[in-house]
Amino acid sequence: VWDLAFHMIPVALVDPEWAKRQLILFLREWYMHPNGQIPAYEWNFNDVNPPVHAWAVWRVYKITRNVTGHADTDFLERAFQKLLLNFTWWVNRKDRDGRNIFQGGFLGMDNIGVFDRSQPLANGGRLEQADSTAWMAMYCLNMLAIALELARTRPTYADVASKFFEHFVFIARAINGRTDERGLWDASDRFYYDSIHAPDGSYTPLKIRSFVGLVPLFAVETLSLETIEHLPGFRRRMEWFLEYRPDWVYNFNLMVEPGASGNYLLSLVSPEQLTDILARMLDTDQFLSPYGLRSLSKEHEAHPFTCVIDGEAATVRYEPAESSSYLFGGNSNWRGPIW
């Protein structure tokens, strides 16, 4: 399903109506479970794909508007109503402790990890995922953008836009460790990692420098001054939050001061974090290869990552040829020179 979401972006340039129908298809009662889950693929409906359907709906809507000159808000509203169900499924099923740190499992990362992320851990713990949490932050921003667009002609959507604005702030605070609980940002390495949350309450970060730590860069959105001024109710609630919850928004996930054109930037990472992540991402000895971005940092060629869980050791290393692991078919793209 997440493959299809990406495919519909270029398809919308050729046949906008068909692209919209394909996205609606997986939101129909024929495919979507009554609890809101969207099936992953035909061989395992219960597996979990990254929640990019809202992103695709928003992109296809804008592409269609540009191609046809017509803003199909009926399509946008129809999809949004079902996406609300799917978002709620994620919050209720993949955030076990209700603290805005998400699990999820596989999430399309294949053998990028040290073990199969869809399987239960041997020690009875659980894997808290940087990519899953970041995808949900991005999901919030996608839903926020759609709600603000719908609110232009359907003012009641301004209320739910406020909900997604605040939920994004909660997730950003959680992943960055600005709550009483531990986040997924490693202050010493200056990178995002998955973490094992053991039954005794301890946390063990999996310090694998992989694409998992780059996904937080995807969660970014701008709020234009024109949009904010057009929706005084949303603006009032946002300004209240900024004024009375300054500890939630200061200097890491929301640029409190508007930019030169009056726009606000919503981002999961702060400017300082962005600088640190890009330093790794654009380093040819780490993520940047002649073919694009490596899925796993080249550092792990000479320095494989190994962890031991209940006496069992597991290792992941950078492997530019065929993978030594048969996990998910042994596809070396996930441990080699390109994603």
Protein backbone atom coordinates (compact mmCIF):
# COMPACT_ATOMS: atom_id res chain seq x y z
CA VAL A 1 0.00 0.00 0.00
CA TRP A 2 2.81 2.44 0.70
CA ASP A 3 4.36 1.60 -2.67
CA LEU A 4 1.07 2.56 -4.30
CA ALA A 5 1.02 5.86 -2.42
CA PHE A 6 4.37 6.81 -3.98
CA HIS A 7 3.35 5.52 -7.42
CA MET A 8 0.30 7.78 -7.52
CA ILE A 9 2.40 10.96 -7.39
CA PRO A 10 3.69 10.66 -11.00
CA VAL A 11 0.49 8.93 -12.14
CA ALA A 12 -1.47 12.03 -11.06
CA LEU A 13 0.40 14.02 -13.70
CA VAL A 14 -0.89 11.67 -16.40
CA ASP A 15 -4.34 10.66 -15.14
CA PRO A 16 -5.42 12.58 -12.04
CA GLU A 17 -8.82 10.92 -11.74
CA TRP A 18 -7.36 7.40 -11.80
CA ALA A 19 -4.76 8.37 -9.18
CA LYS A 20 -7.49 9.66 -6.87
CA ARG A 21 -9.57 6.51 -7.33
CA GLN A 22 -6.60 4.30 -6.45
CA LEU A 23 -5.98 6.19 -3.20
CA ILE A 24 -9.67 6.08 -2.27
CA LEU A 25 -9.77 2.34 -3.04
CA PHE A 26 -7.70 1.34 0.00
CA LEU A 27 -9.84 3.57 2.21
CA ARG A 28 -13.03 1.80 1.16
CA GLU A 29 -14.77 -0.75 3.38
CA TRP A 30 -13.53 -3.46 0.98
CA TYR A 31 -9.98 -2.97 2.19
CA MET A 32 -9.91 -0.91 5.38
CA HIS A 33 -10.61 -2.91 8.54
CA PRO A 34 -13.49 -1.63 10.71
CA ASN A 35 -10.89 -0.65 13.34
CA GLY A 36 -9.18 1.67 10.84
CA GLN A 37 -6.18 -0.46 9.85
CA ILE A 38 -5.11 -0.34 6.20
CA PRO A 39 -3.71 -3.71 5.02
CA ALA A 40 -0.03 -3.77 4.13
CA TYR A 41 0.12 -6.22 1.20
CA GLU A 42 -1.62 -9.29 -0.13
CA TRP A 43 0.47 -11.91 1.74
CA ASN A 44 0.01 -10.32 5.18
CA PHE A 45 -2.86 -7.92 5.77
CA ASN A 46 -1.80 -7.47 9.40
CA ASP A 47 1.70 -6.20 8.71
CA VAL A 48 2.33 -2.48 9.01
CA ASN A 49 3.48 -0.07 6.31
CA PRO A 50 4.60 3.51 7.00
CA PRO A 51 1.53 5.78 7.17
CA VAL A 52 2.11 7.78 3.98
CA HIS A 53 -1.42 7.58 2.59
CA ALA A 54 -2.35 11.05 3.85
CA TRP A 55 0.83 12.46 2.29
CA ALA A 56 -0.11 10.90 -1.07
CA VAL A 57 -3.69 12.18 -0.84
CA TRP A 58 -2.45 15.71 -0.14
CA ARG A 59 0.13 15.59 -2.94
CA VAL A 60 -2.30 14.15 -5.50
CA TYR A 61 -4.88 16.77 -4.54
CA LYS A 62 -2.40 19.58 -5.22
CA ILE A 63 -1.09 17.99 -8.44
CA THR A 64 -4.65 17.52 -9.69
CA ARG A 65 -5.46 21.16 -8.90
CA ASN A 66 -2.45 22.28 -10.92
CA VAL A 67 -3.16 19.94 -13.84
CA THR A 68 -6.91 20.52 -14.13
CA GLY A 69 -7.34 23.95 -12.56
CA HIS A 70 -10.00 22.49 -10.27
CA ALA A 71 -9.60 21.93 -6.50
CA ASP A 72 -11.37 18.63 -5.77
CA THR A 73 -12.18 19.25 -2.12
CA ASP A 74 -14.80 16.47 -2.23
CA PHE A 75 -11.99 13.96 -2.85
CA LEU A 76 -9.91 15.55 -0.10
CA GLU A 77 -12.74 15.45 2.42
CA ARG A 78 -13.74 11.90 1.50
CA ALA A 79 -10.19 10.66 2.07
CA PHE A 80 -9.71 12.73 5.23
CA GLN A 81 -12.70 11.15 6.98
CA LYS A 82 -11.28 7.64 6.50
CA LEU A 83 -7.74 8.73 7.31
CA LEU A 84 -9.03 9.91 10.69
CA LEU A 85 -9.93 6.27 11.41
CA ASN A 86 -6.50 5.06 10.34
CA PHE A 87 -4.72 7.72 12.40
CA THR A 88 -6.73 6.66 15.45
CA TRP A 89 -5.80 3.01 14.82
CA TRP A 90 -2.12 3.98 14.89
CA VAL A 91 -2.49 5.94 18.11
CA ASN A 92 -4.45 3.17 19.85
CA ARG A 93 -2.50 0.15 18.58
CA LYS A 94 1.10 1.30 18.06
CA ASP A 95 1.69 3.58 21.04
CA ARG A 96 1.49 1.00 23.80
CA ASP A 97 2.21 3.36 26.70
CA GLY A 98 0.31 6.35 25.34
CA ARG A 99 3.37 8.60 25.45
CA ASN A 100 3.67 9.41 21.74
CA ILE A 101 6.59 7.04 21.11
CA PHE A 102 5.49 4.52 18.49
CA GLN A 103 6.25 0.95 17.63
CA GLY A 104 5.10 -0.57 14.32
CA GLY A 105 7.50 -3.33 13.34
CA PHE A 106 8.63 -3.91 9.78
CA LEU A 107 7.72 -0.51 8.26
CA GLY A 108 9.36 -1.31 4.94
CA MET A 109 12.93 -1.14 6.25
CA ASP A 110 13.63 -4.79 5.40
CA ASN A 111 16.94 -6.06 6.83
CA ILE A 112 18.23 -2.62 7.73
CA GLY A 113 18.06 -3.58 11.41
CA VAL A 114 19.93 -6.05 13.53
CA PHE A 115 16.86 -8.31 13.77
CA ASP A 116 13.36 -8.64 12.34
CA ARG A 117 11.53 -5.67 13.80
CA SER A 118 8.13 -7.31 13.28
CA GLN A 119 8.89 -10.18 15.65
CA PRO A 120 8.57 -10.09 19.47
CA LEU A 121 11.82 -9.58 21.33
CA ALA A 122 13.24 -12.58 23.16
CA ASN A 123 13.51 -10.71 26.46
CA GLY A 124 9.83 -9.73 26.44
CA GLY A 125 10.65 -6.07 25.76
CA ARG A 126 9.54 -3.96 22.85
CA LEU A 127 11.21 -1.93 20.17
CA GLU A 128 10.45 1.79 20.23
CA GLN A 129 11.11 3.06 16.73
CA ALA A 130 12.53 6.37 15.57
CA ASP A 131 11.13 5.91 12.08
CA SER A 132 7.64 4.91 13.29
CA THR A 133 7.49 7.92 15.61
CA ALA A 134 8.74 10.23 12.86
CA TRP A 135 6.24 8.84 10.35
CA MET A 136 3.46 9.62 12.83
CA ALA A 137 4.76 13.17 13.25
CA MET A 138 4.66 13.49 9.46
CA TYR A 139 1.15 11.98 9.46
CA CYS A 140 0.06 14.72 11.90
CA LEU A 141 1.45 17.42 9.63
CA ASN A 142 -0.19 15.91 6.54
CA MET A 143 -3.55 15.80 8.32
CA LEU A 144 -3.00 19.35 9.57
CA ALA A 145 -2.36 20.59 6.03
CA ILE A 146 -5.47 18.82 4.70
CA ALA A 147 -7.65 20.11 7.54
CA LEU A 148 -6.47 23.68 6.97
CA GLU A 149 -7.23 23.39 3.25
CA LEU A 150 -10.73 22.05 3.95
CA ALA A 151 -11.31 24.76 6.55
CA ARG A 152 -11.08 27.38 3.80
CA THR A 153 -14.56 26.38 2.63
CA ARG A 154 -15.70 24.24 5.59
CA PRO A 155 -14.80 26.22 8.74
CA THR A 156 -15.57 23.35 11.13
CA TYR A 157 -12.34 21.67 10.03
CA ALA A 158 -10.34 24.38 11.83
CA ASP A 159 -11.05 22.59 15.11
CA VAL A 160 -9.52 19.31 13.99
CA ALA A 161 -6.59 21.22 12.50
CA SER A 162 -5.84 22.46 16.02
CA LYS A 163 -5.93 18.87 17.23
CA PHE A 164 -3.26 17.78 14.75
CA PHE A 165 -1.13 20.85 15.46
CA GLU A 166 -1.03 20.00 19.16
CA HIS A 167 -0.57 16.27 18.57
CA PHE A 168 2.46 17.01 16.41
CA VAL A 169 3.96 19.06 19.25
CA PHE A 170 3.39 16.14 21.66
CA ILE A 171 5.17 13.68 19.34
CA ALA A 172 8.05 16.09 18.69
CA ARG A 173 8.54 16.60 22.42
CA ALA A 174 8.47 12.85 23.06
CA ILE A 175 10.93 11.75 20.35
CA ASN A 176 13.39 14.45 21.38
CA GLY A 177 13.28 13.43 25.03
CA ARG A 178 11.76 16.63 26.35
CA THR A 179 9.33 14.79 28.62
CA ASP A 180 9.95 12.88 31.85
CA GLU A 181 10.46 9.80 29.68
CA ARG A 182 13.46 8.99 27.54
CA GLY A 183 13.26 10.02 23.88
CA LEU A 184 14.95 8.57 20.80
CA TRP A 185 17.44 11.39 20.17
CA ASP A 186 20.93 10.49 21.38
CA ALA A 187 22.47 13.69 22.76
CA SER A 188 26.02 12.31 22.65
CA ASP A 189 25.93 10.87 19.12
CA ARG A 190 23.56 13.58 17.85
CA PHE A 191 21.43 11.09 15.94
CA TYR A 192 18.09 9.26 16.23
CA TYR A 193 18.10 5.55 17.16
CA ASP A 194 15.55 2.83 17.86
CA SER A 195 15.50 1.77 21.49
CA ILE A 196 14.68 -1.47 23.30
CA HIS A 197 12.36 -0.88 26.24
CA ALA A 198 12.90 -3.84 28.57
CA PRO A 199 10.29 -5.23 31.00
CA ASP A 200 12.29 -3.83 33.94
CA GLY A 201 11.84 -0.32 32.57
CA SER A 202 15.38 0.10 31.25
CA TYR A 203 16.19 1.43 27.78
CA THR A 204 18.91 0.25 25.40
CA PRO A 205 19.46 2.39 22.29
CA LEU A 206 20.32 0.43 19.14
CA LYS A 207 23.11 2.65 17.86
CA ILE A 208 22.81 1.62 14.23
CA ARG A 209 23.37 4.59 11.97
CA SER A 210 20.79 3.85 9.33
CA PHE A 211 17.97 5.47 7.37
CA VAL A 212 15.85 4.99 10.49
CA GLY A 213 17.62 8.06 11.89
CA LEU A 214 17.00 10.11 8.74
CA VAL A 215 13.21 9.62 8.57
CA PRO A 216 12.63 12.41 11.17
CA LEU A 217 13.73 14.86 8.46
CA PHE A 218 10.52 14.07 6.56
CA ALA A 219 8.27 15.59 9.24
CA VAL A 220 8.19 19.22 8.16
CA GLU A 221 5.43 21.62 7.11
CA THR A 222 4.98 25.35 6.68
CA LEU A 223 2.00 27.37 7.88
CA SER A 224 1.54 30.37 5.63
CA LEU A 225 0.56 33.73 7.04
CA GLU A 226 -2.33 33.88 4.56
CA THR A 227 -3.75 30.58 5.84
CA ILE A 228 -3.41 31.56 9.48
CA GLU A 229 -5.07 34.94 8.94
CA HIS A 230 -7.92 33.31 7.02
CA LEU A 231 -8.70 31.07 10.02
CA PRO A 232 -8.89 33.29 13.11
CA GLY A 233 -10.15 30.46 15.33
CA PHE A 234 -7.17 28.24 14.50
CA ARG A 235 -4.80 31.18 14.89
CA ARG A 236 -6.24 32.02 18.30
CA ARG A 237 -5.83 28.45 19.56
CA MET A 238 -2.29 28.19 18.15
CA GLU A 239 -1.22 31.46 19.74
CA TRP A 240 -2.74 30.37 23.07
CA PHE A 241 -0.68 27.17 22.91
CA LEU A 242 2.50 29.07 22.07
CA GLU A 243 1.93 31.52 24.92
CA TYR A 244 0.86 29.15 27.69
CA ARG A 245 2.89 26.06 26.73
CA PRO A 246 6.28 27.63 25.92
CA ASP A 247 8.17 24.68 27.42
CA TRP A 248 6.54 22.41 24.83
CA VAL A 249 7.52 24.39 21.77
CA TYR A 250 10.78 26.14 22.63
CA ASN A 251 13.69 25.71 20.25
CA PHE A 252 13.23 22.20 18.98
CA ASN A 253 10.10 21.42 17.03
CA LEU A 254 8.40 24.71 16.22
CA MET A 255 10.00 27.88 15.02
CA VAL A 256 8.07 30.21 17.32
CA GLU A 257 9.11 33.33 15.42
CA PRO A 258 7.65 33.61 11.90
CA GLY A 259 10.01 33.80 8.94
CA ALA A 260 10.65 36.74 6.62
CA SER A 261 7.37 36.20 4.75
CA GLY A 262 5.38 35.63 7.95
CA ASN A 263 5.28 31.85 7.57
CA TYR A 264 5.80 29.43 10.45
CA LEU A 265 7.90 26.29 10.12
CA LEU A 266 6.85 23.09 11.84
CA SER A 267 9.74 20.63 12.06
CA LEU A 268 10.51 17.57 14.13
CA VAL A 269 14.17 18.57 14.36
CA SER A 270 15.68 21.83 15.57
CA PRO A 271 18.18 23.82 13.48
CA GLU A 272 20.98 22.43 15.67
CA GLN A 273 19.79 18.83 15.22
CA LEU A 274 19.43 19.40 11.47
CA THR A 275 23.04 20.53 11.26
CA ASP A 276 24.22 17.43 13.15
CA ILE A 277 22.15 15.02 11.05
CA LEU A 278 23.19 16.60 7.74
CA ALA A 279 26.84 16.40 8.77
CA ARG A 280 26.46 12.61 8.86
CA MET A 281 24.12 12.38 5.88
CA LEU A 282 26.41 14.35 3.53
CA ASP A 283 29.63 12.64 4.67
CA THR A 284 30.96 10.30 1.95
CA ASP A 285 32.42 8.06 4.65
CA GLN A 286 29.00 7.71 6.21
CA PHE A 287 25.69 8.05 4.30
CA LEU A 288 26.48 9.84 1.03
CA SER A 289 27.47 7.50 -1.80
CA PRO A 290 28.01 8.24 -5.53
CA TYR A 291 24.56 6.69 -6.11
CA GLY A 292 22.54 8.55 -3.50
CA LEU A 293 22.11 7.93 0.20
CA ARG A 294 23.21 4.65 1.73
CA SER A 295 20.58 2.86 3.78
CA LEU A 296 23.27 2.00 6.33
CA SER A 297 26.28 4.17 7.16
CA LYS A 298 29.56 3.01 5.64
CA GLU A 299 31.02 3.30 9.16
CA HIS A 300 29.49 -0.11 9.84
CA GLU A 301 31.73 -1.77 7.24
CA ALA A 302 34.75 -1.55 9.54
CA HIS A 303 32.68 -1.28 12.71
CA PRO A 304 29.67 -3.65 12.59
CA PHE A 305 26.99 -3.15 15.20
CA THR A 306 26.34 -6.06 17.56
CA CYS A 307 23.88 -6.40 20.39
CA VAL A 308 23.14 -9.26 22.78
CA ILE A 309 19.60 -9.99 23.92
CA ASP A 310 19.14 -12.81 26.45
CA GLY A 311 22.49 -14.28 25.50
CA GLU A 312 21.84 -14.21 21.75
CA ALA A 313 24.14 -11.99 19.67
CA ALA A 314 22.93 -10.26 16.49
CA THR A 315 25.08 -8.24 14.11
CA VAL A 316 24.49 -5.80 11.26
CA ARG A 317 27.24 -4.47 8.97
CA TYR A 318 27.48 -2.41 5.81
CA GLU A 319 27.47 -4.87 2.89
CA PRO A 320 27.75 -3.38 -0.61
CA ALA A 321 27.36 -6.78 -2.33
CA GLU A 322 24.94 -9.59 -1.50
CA SER A 323 23.72 -9.52 2.07
CA SER A 324 24.89 -12.24 4.44
CA SER A 325 21.43 -12.13 6.03
CA TYR A 326 18.47 -13.85 4.42
CA LEU A 327 16.05 -11.63 6.30
CA PHE A 328 13.38 -10.42 3.85
CA GLY A 329 15.09 -12.18 0.96
CA GLY A 330 18.65 -11.03 1.63
CA ASN A 331 18.22 -7.77 -0.29
CA SER A 332 21.57 -5.99 0.12
CA ASN A 333 20.06 -2.61 -0.83
CA TRP A 334 19.12 -2.29 2.81
CA ARG A 335 22.70 -2.76 4.05
CA GLY A 336 24.52 -1.36 1.04
CA PRO A 337 25.19 1.69 -1.13
CA ILE A 338 21.60 2.80 -1.87
CA TRP A 339 18.17 2.61 -0.30
